Amino acid sequence: MSEKKNLRSQFRAQRAEYVTALSPAMMQLSFSNVPSPLRSILENAACLAAYIPIGAEANPLKIVAIVREMGLKICLPHVTSKISPMQFFEWAENAPLEEGPMGLQQPSSDNPLCKPDVILAPLVAFDRSLTRLGQGAGHYDRALSLLEPSIVVGLAWSAQEADELPSDPWDQKMDAILTEKEWIIS
């Protein structure tokens, strides 16, 4: 476990440094379009799960705006505690969010519960075998194990790519990764 903890520290710092060095124009362009492979997947979907970024995480909100125009419902993760399963609740455009654990901004649990067809997942690091290194609480791994056959797309900056990441039996692989530079599938 300490190897993953060390990797999290390394890649968080690497991500923050990378994002700080990006020009305002590059920040504006990054994740501002839905690439055609993702668009093809979304054409057969009814609901997209996204997230409100924290710190230097890749920001999915421009993609969310486009997907709303395509007519899909949007949902966001909702966490109540470290051990409770993460759920996804519908989020209407500009609807207020509430403070959740670990600095999360999340919809109220009074909103309709959703089962997303496609999930944009935040991450700390990834590799070309589609291994995801998350924050370490296991929320996404537990939720994804219950949401098959949802399609999981990791959203990350290219600077978050590792040569190879350690993986435990409970770690859930992604189906694809979208960075500001490319669409990655295995």
N, C-alpha and C. Protein backbone atom coordinates (compact mmCIF):
# COMPACT_ATOMS: atom_id res chain seq x y z
N MET A 1 0.81 -1.20 0.00
CA MET A 1 0.00 0.00 0.00
C MET A 1 0.86 1.27 0.00
N SER A 2 2.04 1.21 0.61
CA SER A 2 2.87 2.41 0.66
C SER A 2 3.37 2.79 -0.73
N GLU A 3 3.50 1.80 -1.65
CA GLU A 3 3.90 2.13 -3.02
C GLU A 3 2.83 3.01 -3.67
N LYS A 4 1.57 2.64 -3.50
CA LYS A 4 0.49 3.45 -4.07
C LYS A 4 0.44 4.84 -3.41
N LYS A 5 0.66 4.88 -2.11
CA LYS A 5 0.66 6.17 -1.40
C LYS A 5 1.75 7.08 -1.95
N ASN A 6 2.95 6.52 -2.16
CA ASN A 6 4.05 7.30 -2.72
C ASN A 6 3.75 7.76 -4.14
N LEU A 7 3.15 6.88 -4.93
CA LEU A 7 2.78 7.25 -6.30
C LEU A 7 1.73 8.35 -6.31
N ARG A 8 0.79 8.29 -5.39
CA ARG A 8 -0.22 9.36 -5.31
C ARG A 8 0.44 10.71 -5.05
N SER A 9 1.35 10.74 -4.10
CA SER A 9 2.06 12.00 -3.80
C SER A 9 2.82 12.50 -5.01
N GLN A 10 3.53 11.59 -5.66
CA GLN A 10 4.34 11.96 -6.84
C GLN A 10 3.46 12.50 -7.96
N PHE A 11 2.37 11.80 -8.27
CA PHE A 11 1.54 12.21 -9.40
C PHE A 11 0.66 13.41 -9.08
N ARG A 12 0.28 13.60 -7.85
CA ARG A 12 -0.45 14.84 -7.50
C ARG A 12 0.45 16.05 -7.71
N ALA A 13 1.70 15.94 -7.27
CA ALA A 13 2.66 17.04 -7.45
C ALA A 13 2.94 17.27 -8.94
N GLN A 14 3.12 16.19 -9.67
CA GLN A 14 3.38 16.28 -11.11
C GLN A 14 2.20 16.94 -11.83
N ARG A 15 0.99 16.54 -11.47
CA ARG A 15 -0.23 17.10 -12.08
C ARG A 15 -0.32 18.60 -11.77
N ALA A 16 -0.13 18.97 -10.52
CA ALA A 16 -0.23 20.38 -10.13
C ALA A 16 0.80 21.22 -10.88
N GLU A 17 2.02 20.73 -10.98
CA GLU A 17 3.07 21.46 -11.69
C GLU A 17 2.72 21.62 -13.17
N TYR A 18 2.22 20.56 -13.77
CA TYR A 18 1.85 20.58 -15.19
C TYR A 18 0.73 21.59 -15.43
N VAL A 19 -0.31 21.54 -14.62
CA VAL A 19 -1.46 22.43 -14.82
C VAL A 19 -1.07 23.89 -14.58
N THR A 20 -0.23 24.13 -13.60
CA THR A 20 0.23 25.49 -13.32
C THR A 20 1.00 26.07 -14.51
N ALA A 21 1.71 25.22 -15.24
CA ALA A 21 2.52 25.67 -16.37
C ALA A 21 1.72 25.84 -17.66
N LEU A 22 0.48 25.38 -17.70
CA LEU A 22 -0.32 25.50 -18.92
C LEU A 22 -0.70 26.96 -19.18
N SER A 23 -0.71 27.32 -20.45
CA SER A 23 -1.12 28.68 -20.82
C SER A 23 -2.64 28.81 -20.64
N PRO A 24 -3.12 30.03 -20.46
CA PRO A 24 -4.57 30.22 -20.37
C PRO A 24 -5.31 29.68 -21.60
N ALA A 25 -4.72 29.82 -22.78
CA ALA A 25 -5.36 29.31 -24.00
C ALA A 25 -5.46 27.79 -23.96
N MET A 26 -4.41 27.12 -23.49
CA MET A 26 -4.45 25.66 -23.41
C MET A 26 -5.46 25.21 -22.36
N MET A 27 -5.53 25.92 -21.25
CA MET A 27 -6.53 25.59 -20.23
C MET A 27 -7.94 25.73 -20.81
N GLN A 28 -8.16 26.77 -21.60
CA GLN A 28 -9.47 27.01 -22.20
C GLN A 28 -9.84 25.91 -23.20
N LEU A 29 -8.86 25.43 -23.96
CA LEU A 29 -9.11 24.40 -24.98
C LEU A 29 -9.24 23.00 -24.40
N SER A 30 -8.54 22.73 -23.31
CA SER A 30 -8.49 21.37 -22.76
C SER A 30 -9.88 20.89 -22.34
N PHE A 31 -10.21 19.68 -22.79
CA PHE A 31 -11.48 19.03 -22.45
C PHE A 31 -12.69 19.89 -22.84
N SER A 32 -12.57 20.62 -23.95
CA SER A 32 -13.66 21.49 -24.38
C SER A 32 -14.47 20.89 -25.52
N ASN A 33 -14.15 19.66 -25.90
CA ASN A 33 -14.86 19.01 -26.98
C ASN A 33 -15.06 17.54 -26.63
N VAL A 34 -16.03 16.92 -27.27
CA VAL A 34 -16.26 15.49 -27.09
C VAL A 34 -15.64 14.79 -28.31
N PRO A 35 -14.54 14.06 -28.10
CA PRO A 35 -13.92 13.39 -29.25
C PRO A 35 -14.86 12.35 -29.86
N SER A 36 -14.69 12.08 -31.15
CA SER A 36 -15.62 11.19 -31.86
C SER A 36 -15.76 9.80 -31.23
N PRO A 37 -14.69 9.16 -30.69
CA PRO A 37 -14.93 7.85 -30.06
C PRO A 37 -15.86 7.94 -28.85
N LEU A 38 -15.73 9.00 -28.07
CA LEU A 38 -16.61 9.19 -26.92
C LEU A 38 -18.02 9.56 -27.38
N ARG A 39 -18.11 10.39 -28.39
CA ARG A 39 -19.42 10.78 -28.94
C ARG A 39 -20.17 9.54 -29.42
N SER A 40 -19.47 8.60 -30.06
CA SER A 40 -20.10 7.36 -30.53
C SER A 40 -20.67 6.55 -29.37
N ILE A 41 -19.93 6.51 -28.29
CA ILE A 41 -20.40 5.79 -27.09
C ILE A 41 -21.63 6.48 -26.50
N LEU A 42 -21.57 7.81 -26.45
CA LEU A 42 -22.66 8.57 -25.84
C LEU A 42 -23.95 8.53 -26.65
N GLU A 43 -23.85 8.27 -27.95
CA GLU A 43 -25.05 8.21 -28.79
C GLU A 43 -25.99 7.09 -28.34
N ASN A 44 -25.46 6.07 -27.68
CA ASN A 44 -26.27 4.96 -27.20
C ASN A 44 -26.52 5.02 -25.69
N ALA A 45 -26.24 6.17 -25.09
CA ALA A 45 -26.36 6.31 -23.64
C ALA A 45 -27.52 7.23 -23.28
N ALA A 46 -27.99 7.07 -22.06
CA ALA A 46 -29.05 7.95 -21.55
C ALA A 46 -28.54 8.84 -20.42
N CYS A 47 -27.47 8.38 -19.73
CA CYS A 47 -26.99 9.11 -18.55
C CYS A 47 -25.47 9.08 -18.48
N LEU A 48 -24.88 10.23 -18.25
CA LEU A 48 -23.43 10.37 -18.08
C LEU A 48 -23.15 10.78 -16.65
N ALA A 49 -22.22 10.08 -16.01
CA ALA A 49 -21.73 10.49 -14.69
C ALA A 49 -20.45 11.28 -14.89
N ALA A 50 -20.36 12.39 -14.22
CA ALA A 50 -19.15 13.21 -14.25
C ALA A 50 -18.79 13.54 -12.81
N TYR A 51 -18.06 14.60 -12.59
CA TYR A 51 -17.66 14.99 -11.24
C TYR A 51 -17.30 16.47 -11.26
N ILE A 52 -17.32 17.08 -10.12
CA ILE A 52 -16.87 18.46 -9.96
C ILE A 52 -15.39 18.36 -9.58
N PRO A 53 -14.49 18.94 -10.39
CA PRO A 53 -13.07 18.76 -10.12
C PRO A 53 -12.61 19.44 -8.84
N ILE A 54 -11.61 18.82 -8.25
CA ILE A 54 -10.97 19.36 -7.05
C ILE A 54 -9.52 19.67 -7.41
N GLY A 55 -9.08 20.86 -7.10
CA GLY A 55 -7.69 21.23 -7.35
C GLY A 55 -7.35 21.16 -8.84
N ALA A 56 -6.29 20.44 -9.16
CA ALA A 56 -5.78 20.36 -10.53
C ALA A 56 -6.36 19.20 -11.33
N GLU A 57 -7.43 18.56 -10.83
CA GLU A 57 -8.04 17.47 -11.60
C GLU A 57 -8.52 17.97 -12.96
N ALA A 58 -8.49 17.09 -13.95
CA ALA A 58 -9.03 17.42 -15.27
C ALA A 58 -10.51 17.79 -15.10
N ASN A 59 -10.90 18.86 -15.76
CA ASN A 59 -12.24 19.41 -15.57
C ASN A 59 -13.19 18.90 -16.66
N PRO A 60 -14.21 18.12 -16.28
CA PRO A 60 -15.15 17.58 -17.27
C PRO A 60 -16.33 18.50 -17.59
N LEU A 61 -16.41 19.67 -17.00
CA LEU A 61 -17.65 20.46 -17.09
C LEU A 61 -17.97 20.99 -18.48
N LYS A 62 -16.97 21.21 -19.33
CA LYS A 62 -17.25 21.62 -20.71
C LYS A 62 -17.84 20.43 -21.48
N ILE A 63 -17.33 19.25 -21.22
CA ILE A 63 -17.88 18.05 -21.84
C ILE A 63 -19.31 17.84 -21.36
N VAL A 64 -19.54 18.05 -20.08
CA VAL A 64 -20.89 17.91 -19.50
C VAL A 64 -21.87 18.84 -20.22
N ALA A 65 -21.47 20.07 -20.47
CA ALA A 65 -22.36 21.02 -21.15
C ALA A 65 -22.73 20.52 -22.54
N ILE A 66 -21.77 19.98 -23.27
CA ILE A 66 -22.04 19.44 -24.61
C ILE A 66 -22.97 18.23 -24.53
N VAL A 67 -22.70 17.36 -23.57
CA VAL A 67 -23.51 16.15 -23.41
C VAL A 67 -24.94 16.49 -23.02
N ARG A 68 -25.13 17.53 -22.21
CA ARG A 68 -26.49 17.98 -21.88
C ARG A 68 -27.24 18.37 -23.16
N GLU A 69 -26.53 19.09 -24.05
CA GLU A 69 -27.15 19.50 -25.32
C GLU A 69 -27.51 18.29 -26.18
N MET A 70 -26.80 17.17 -26.00
CA MET A 70 -27.11 15.94 -26.73
C MET A 70 -28.35 15.26 -26.15
N GLY A 71 -28.83 15.74 -24.99
CA GLY A 71 -30.04 15.22 -24.39
C GLY A 71 -29.84 14.17 -23.31
N LEU A 72 -28.62 13.95 -22.88
CA LEU A 72 -28.37 12.98 -21.82
C LEU A 72 -28.59 13.59 -20.45
N LYS A 73 -29.02 12.76 -19.50
CA LYS A 73 -29.07 13.17 -18.10
C LYS A 73 -27.63 13.19 -17.58
N ILE A 74 -27.39 14.04 -16.61
CA ILE A 74 -26.09 14.12 -15.97
C ILE A 74 -26.26 13.75 -14.50
N CYS A 75 -25.35 12.95 -14.01
CA CYS A 75 -25.35 12.65 -12.58
C CYS A 75 -23.94 12.83 -12.04
N LEU A 76 -23.87 13.02 -10.74
CA LEU A 76 -22.60 13.22 -10.05
C LEU A 76 -22.51 12.24 -8.89
N PRO A 77 -21.27 11.91 -8.49
CA PRO A 77 -21.12 11.02 -7.33
C PRO A 77 -21.58 11.68 -6.05
N HIS A 78 -22.05 10.84 -5.16
CA HIS A 78 -22.49 11.29 -3.84
C HIS A 78 -21.88 10.33 -2.82
N VAL A 79 -21.09 10.88 -1.92
CA VAL A 79 -20.40 10.08 -0.90
C VAL A 79 -20.89 10.53 0.47
N THR A 80 -21.23 9.56 1.31
CA THR A 80 -21.66 9.92 2.66
C THR A 80 -20.58 9.64 3.70
N SER A 81 -19.75 8.62 3.45
CA SER A 81 -18.65 8.31 4.37
C SER A 81 -17.62 7.46 3.63
N LYS A 82 -16.51 7.23 4.29
CA LYS A 82 -15.43 6.46 3.67
C LYS A 82 -15.84 5.02 3.40
N ILE A 83 -16.74 4.48 4.21
CA ILE A 83 -17.10 3.07 4.04
C ILE A 83 -18.43 2.86 3.30
N SER A 84 -19.23 3.88 3.17
CA SER A 84 -20.51 3.74 2.47
C SER A 84 -20.28 3.71 0.97
N PRO A 85 -21.08 2.92 0.24
CA PRO A 85 -20.92 2.89 -1.21
C PRO A 85 -21.25 4.24 -1.84
N MET A 86 -20.44 4.64 -2.79
CA MET A 86 -20.71 5.86 -3.55
C MET A 86 -21.90 5.61 -4.47
N GLN A 87 -22.79 6.58 -4.55
CA GLN A 87 -23.93 6.49 -5.45
C GLN A 87 -23.90 7.68 -6.39
N PHE A 88 -24.70 7.61 -7.44
CA PHE A 88 -24.78 8.71 -8.40
C PHE A 88 -26.20 9.27 -8.39
N PHE A 89 -26.29 10.60 -8.22
CA PHE A 89 -27.58 11.28 -8.20
C PHE A 89 -27.64 12.29 -9.34
N GLU A 90 -28.82 12.42 -9.91
CA GLU A 90 -29.01 13.33 -11.04
C GLU A 90 -28.67 14.76 -10.62
N TRP A 91 -28.11 15.49 -11.58
CA TRP A 91 -27.72 16.88 -11.33
C TRP A 91 -28.23 17.74 -12.47
N ALA A 92 -29.17 18.62 -12.18
CA ALA A 92 -29.70 19.55 -13.17
C ALA A 92 -28.72 20.71 -13.33
N GLU A 93 -28.70 21.27 -14.52
CA GLU A 93 -27.80 22.38 -14.80
C GLU A 93 -27.99 23.51 -13.79
N ASN A 94 -26.89 23.98 -13.24
CA ASN A 94 -26.87 25.08 -12.26
C ASN A 94 -27.58 24.76 -10.94
N ALA A 95 -27.95 23.50 -10.72
CA ALA A 95 -28.57 23.14 -9.45
C ALA A 95 -27.54 23.26 -8.34
N PRO A 96 -27.96 23.66 -7.15
CA PRO A 96 -27.00 23.80 -6.06
C PRO A 96 -26.39 22.44 -5.68
N LEU A 97 -25.18 22.51 -5.21
CA LEU A 97 -24.47 21.32 -4.74
C LEU A 97 -24.22 21.48 -3.26
N GLU A 98 -24.04 20.36 -2.58
CA GLU A 98 -23.73 20.42 -1.16
C GLU A 98 -22.32 19.90 -0.92
N GLU A 99 -21.77 20.31 0.19
CA GLU A 99 -20.41 19.89 0.57
C GLU A 99 -20.46 18.44 1.05
N GLY A 100 -19.59 17.63 0.49
CA GLY A 100 -19.49 16.24 0.90
C GLY A 100 -18.14 15.98 1.56
N PRO A 101 -17.87 14.75 1.93
CA PRO A 101 -16.58 14.42 2.53
C PRO A 101 -15.42 14.70 1.56
N MET A 102 -14.26 14.94 2.09
CA MET A 102 -13.03 15.12 1.32
C MET A 102 -13.10 16.28 0.33
N GLY A 103 -13.92 17.28 0.62
CA GLY A 103 -14.02 18.46 -0.24
C GLY A 103 -14.87 18.27 -1.48
N LEU A 104 -15.62 17.17 -1.57
CA LEU A 104 -16.47 16.93 -2.73
C LEU A 104 -17.64 17.90 -2.78
N GLN A 105 -17.98 18.31 -3.98
CA GLN A 105 -19.22 19.05 -4.23
C GLN A 105 -20.16 18.05 -4.88
N GLN A 106 -21.31 17.81 -4.28
CA GLN A 106 -22.18 16.74 -4.75
C GLN A 106 -23.64 17.15 -4.69
N PRO A 107 -24.47 16.49 -5.53
CA PRO A 107 -25.90 16.78 -5.47
C PRO A 107 -26.51 16.22 -4.20
N SER A 108 -27.65 16.75 -3.85
CA SER A 108 -28.37 16.26 -2.68
C SER A 108 -28.87 14.84 -2.92
N SER A 109 -28.93 14.06 -1.87
CA SER A 109 -29.46 12.70 -1.97
C SER A 109 -30.97 12.72 -2.17
N ASP A 110 -31.59 13.92 -2.15
CA ASP A 110 -33.01 14.04 -2.48
C ASP A 110 -33.24 13.96 -3.99
N ASN A 111 -32.18 14.15 -4.77
CA ASN A 111 -32.28 14.06 -6.23
C ASN A 111 -32.49 12.60 -6.64
N PRO A 112 -32.99 12.38 -7.87
CA PRO A 112 -33.18 10.99 -8.33
C PRO A 112 -31.85 10.24 -8.42
N LEU A 113 -31.88 9.01 -7.96
CA LEU A 113 -30.73 8.10 -8.06
C LEU A 113 -30.60 7.68 -9.52
N CYS A 114 -29.36 7.60 -10.03
CA CYS A 114 -29.13 7.25 -11.44
C CYS A 114 -28.18 6.07 -11.55
N LYS A 115 -28.34 5.33 -12.64
CA LYS A 115 -27.37 4.32 -13.03
C LYS A 115 -26.74 4.81 -14.33
N PRO A 116 -25.54 5.36 -14.26
CA PRO A 116 -24.94 5.93 -15.47
C PRO A 116 -24.54 4.86 -16.49
N ASP A 117 -24.72 5.20 -17.76
CA ASP A 117 -24.25 4.33 -18.84
C ASP A 117 -22.77 4.56 -19.10
N VAL A 118 -22.34 5.81 -18.93
CA VAL A 118 -20.94 6.20 -19.14
C VAL A 118 -20.51 7.00 -17.92
N ILE A 119 -19.30 6.72 -17.45
CA ILE A 119 -18.77 7.39 -16.27
C ILE A 119 -17.45 8.06 -16.62
N LEU A 120 -17.37 9.37 -16.44
CA LEU A 120 -16.10 10.08 -16.52
C LEU A 120 -15.52 10.06 -15.11
N ALA A 121 -14.40 9.38 -14.96
CA ALA A 121 -13.84 9.17 -13.62
C ALA A 121 -12.56 9.97 -13.44
N PRO A 122 -12.45 10.69 -12.32
CA PRO A 122 -11.20 11.37 -12.01
C PRO A 122 -10.16 10.35 -11.58
N LEU A 123 -8.91 10.75 -11.63
CA LEU A 123 -7.85 9.84 -11.21
C LEU A 123 -6.60 10.62 -10.86
N VAL A 124 -5.71 9.93 -10.17
CA VAL A 124 -4.42 10.53 -9.82
C VAL A 124 -3.37 10.15 -10.86
N ALA A 125 -3.42 8.89 -11.34
CA ALA A 125 -2.49 8.43 -12.37
C ALA A 125 -3.14 7.29 -13.15
N PHE A 126 -2.58 7.03 -14.35
CA PHE A 126 -3.06 5.95 -15.19
C PHE A 126 -1.89 5.37 -15.96
N ASP A 127 -2.09 4.16 -16.50
CA ASP A 127 -1.10 3.60 -17.42
C ASP A 127 -1.81 3.10 -18.67
N ARG A 128 -1.04 2.67 -19.66
CA ARG A 128 -1.59 2.26 -20.95
C ARG A 128 -2.39 0.97 -20.89
N SER A 129 -2.30 0.24 -19.79
CA SER A 129 -3.14 -0.95 -19.64
C SER A 129 -4.50 -0.58 -19.03
N LEU A 130 -4.75 0.72 -18.90
CA LEU A 130 -6.00 1.29 -18.39
C LEU A 130 -6.20 1.06 -16.90
N THR A 131 -5.09 0.95 -16.19
CA THR A 131 -5.13 0.89 -14.73
C THR A 131 -5.29 2.31 -14.21
N ARG A 132 -6.14 2.47 -13.23
CA ARG A 132 -6.43 3.76 -12.62
C ARG A 132 -5.93 3.78 -11.19
N LEU A 133 -5.16 4.80 -10.85
CA LEU A 133 -4.77 5.04 -9.47
C LEU A 133 -5.64 6.19 -8.98
N GLY A 134 -6.54 5.88 -8.05
CA GLY A 134 -7.46 6.89 -7.53
C GLY A 134 -6.93 7.53 -6.27
N GLN A 135 -7.83 8.17 -5.53
CA GLN A 135 -7.44 8.90 -4.33
C GLN A 135 -7.07 7.98 -3.16
N GLY A 136 -7.50 6.72 -3.22
CA GLY A 136 -7.11 5.79 -2.18
C GLY A 136 -8.22 5.32 -1.26
N ALA A 137 -9.40 5.91 -1.37
CA ALA A 137 -10.50 5.50 -0.50
C ALA A 137 -11.30 4.33 -1.07
N GLY A 138 -11.12 4.05 -2.35
CA GLY A 138 -11.81 2.92 -2.98
C GLY A 138 -13.24 3.19 -3.40
N HIS A 139 -13.69 4.44 -3.34
CA HIS A 139 -15.08 4.75 -3.68
C HIS A 139 -15.42 4.36 -5.12
N TYR A 140 -14.59 4.75 -6.06
CA TYR A 140 -14.87 4.43 -7.46
C TYR A 140 -14.77 2.93 -7.71
N ASP A 141 -13.74 2.27 -7.16
CA ASP A 141 -13.61 0.83 -7.38
C ASP A 141 -14.84 0.08 -6.89
N ARG A 142 -15.33 0.41 -5.72
CA ARG A 142 -16.52 -0.26 -5.19
C ARG A 142 -17.75 0.05 -6.03
N ALA A 143 -17.92 1.31 -6.40
CA ALA A 143 -19.09 1.69 -7.20
C ALA A 143 -19.03 1.05 -8.58
N LEU A 144 -17.87 1.08 -9.22
CA LEU A 144 -17.76 0.53 -10.57
C LEU A 144 -18.01 -0.97 -10.58
N SER A 145 -17.63 -1.66 -9.53
CA SER A 145 -17.87 -3.10 -9.48
C SER A 145 -19.36 -3.43 -9.48
N LEU A 146 -20.17 -2.47 -9.05
CA LEU A 146 -21.62 -2.67 -8.99
C LEU A 146 -22.35 -2.10 -10.21
N LEU A 147 -21.63 -1.36 -11.05
CA LEU A 147 -22.29 -0.65 -12.15
C LEU A 147 -22.02 -1.26 -13.53
N GLU A 148 -21.51 -2.46 -13.58
CA GLU A 148 -21.30 -3.08 -14.89
C GLU A 148 -22.65 -3.20 -15.58
N PRO A 149 -22.81 -2.96 -16.83
CA PRO A 149 -21.79 -2.75 -17.85
C PRO A 149 -21.53 -1.28 -18.18
N SER A 150 -21.55 -0.38 -17.22
CA SER A 150 -21.23 1.02 -17.49
C SER A 150 -19.84 1.12 -18.13
N ILE A 151 -19.69 2.08 -19.02
CA ILE A 151 -18.40 2.32 -19.68
C ILE A 151 -17.68 3.39 -18.87
N VAL A 152 -16.45 3.09 -18.49
CA VAL A 152 -15.67 3.99 -17.63
C VAL A 152 -14.55 4.63 -18.44
N VAL A 153 -14.57 5.96 -18.46
CA VAL A 153 -13.54 6.73 -19.15
C VAL A 153 -12.82 7.57 -18.11
N GLY A 154 -11.54 7.29 -17.93
CA GLY A 154 -10.74 8.10 -17.03
C GLY A 154 -10.43 9.44 -17.69
N LEU A 155 -10.54 10.51 -16.93
CA LEU A 155 -10.25 11.85 -17.44
C LEU A 155 -9.01 12.34 -16.72
N ALA A 156 -7.97 12.67 -17.50
CA ALA A 156 -6.69 13.01 -16.86
C ALA A 156 -5.86 13.91 -17.77
N TRP A 157 -4.91 14.56 -17.16
CA TRP A 157 -3.89 15.30 -17.91
C TRP A 157 -2.84 14.30 -18.36
N SER A 158 -2.22 14.55 -19.49
CA SER A 158 -1.21 13.63 -20.02
C SER A 158 -0.05 13.44 -19.04
N ALA A 159 0.21 14.43 -18.22
CA ALA A 159 1.30 14.35 -17.23
C ALA A 159 1.02 13.32 -16.14
N GLN A 160 -0.19 12.77 -16.10
CA GLN A 160 -0.55 11.79 -15.08
C GLN A 160 -0.29 10.35 -15.54
N GLU A 161 0.31 10.21 -16.72
CA GLU A 161 0.57 8.86 -17.23
C GLU A 161 1.81 8.26 -16.57
N ALA A 162 1.66 7.03 -16.11
CA ALA A 162 2.77 6.26 -15.54
C ALA A 162 3.15 5.15 -16.52
N ASP A 163 4.37 4.70 -16.44
CA ASP A 163 4.78 3.56 -17.27
C ASP A 163 3.98 2.33 -16.91
N GLU A 164 3.87 2.08 -15.62
CA GLU A 164 3.10 0.94 -15.13
C GLU A 164 2.69 1.23 -13.69
N LEU A 165 1.46 0.88 -13.35
CA LEU A 165 0.96 1.10 -12.00
C LEU A 165 0.68 -0.24 -11.31
N PRO A 166 0.87 -0.29 -10.01
CA PRO A 166 0.49 -1.50 -9.28
C PRO A 166 -1.03 -1.64 -9.28
N SER A 167 -1.50 -2.87 -9.24
CA SER A 167 -2.93 -3.12 -9.27
C SER A 167 -3.28 -4.22 -8.29
N ASP A 168 -4.31 -3.99 -7.50
CA ASP A 168 -4.82 -4.99 -6.57
C ASP A 168 -6.03 -5.68 -7.20
N PRO A 169 -6.41 -6.84 -6.69
CA PRO A 169 -7.54 -7.58 -7.28
C PRO A 169 -8.85 -6.78 -7.32
N TRP A 170 -9.04 -5.85 -6.40
CA TRP A 170 -10.28 -5.08 -6.34
C TRP A 170 -10.25 -3.84 -7.23
N ASP A 171 -9.10 -3.50 -7.78
CA ASP A 171 -9.00 -2.32 -8.64
C ASP A 171 -9.74 -2.56 -9.95
N GLN A 172 -10.57 -1.60 -10.33
CA GLN A 172 -11.38 -1.69 -11.55
C GLN A 172 -10.65 -1.00 -12.70
N LYS A 173 -10.49 -1.71 -13.80
CA LYS A 173 -9.87 -1.12 -15.00
C LYS A 173 -10.86 -0.17 -15.67
N MET A 174 -10.32 0.75 -16.41
CA MET A 174 -11.13 1.66 -17.20
C MET A 174 -11.29 1.08 -18.60
N ASP A 175 -12.27 1.58 -19.33
CA ASP A 175 -12.47 1.17 -20.73
C ASP A 175 -11.68 2.06 -21.68
N ALA A 176 -11.40 3.28 -21.26
CA ALA A 176 -10.65 4.24 -22.08
C ALA A 176 -10.16 5.36 -21.17
N ILE A 177 -9.26 6.16 -21.71
CA ILE A 177 -8.76 7.34 -21.01
C ILE A 177 -8.77 8.50 -21.99
N LEU A 178 -9.23 9.64 -21.53
CA LEU A 178 -9.20 10.86 -22.33
C LEU A 178 -8.27 11.84 -21.64
N THR A 179 -7.24 12.28 -22.37
CA THR A 179 -6.38 13.35 -21.86
C THR A 179 -6.60 14.57 -22.75
N GLU A 180 -5.93 15.65 -22.44
CA GLU A 180 -6.02 16.85 -23.26
C GLU A 180 -5.38 16.63 -24.63
N LYS A 181 -4.65 15.51 -24.79
CA LYS A 181 -3.93 15.24 -26.04
C LYS A 181 -4.45 14.05 -26.82
N GLU A 182 -5.05 13.06 -26.14
CA GLU A 182 -5.42 11.85 -26.88
C GLU A 182 -6.50 11.02 -26.19
N TRP A 183 -7.05 10.10 -26.99
CA TRP A 183 -8.02 9.10 -26.57
C TRP A 183 -7.24 7.79 -26.50
N ILE A 184 -7.24 7.13 -25.36
CA ILE A 184 -6.44 5.92 -25.16
C ILE A 184 -7.37 4.74 -24.89
N ILE A 185 -7.20 3.67 -25.67
CA ILE A 185 -7.89 2.41 -25.40
C ILE A 185 -6.86 1.31 -25.47
N SER A 186 -7.18 0.17 -24.88
CA SER A 186 -6.18 -0.91 -24.91
C SER A 186 -6.27 -1.71 -26.19
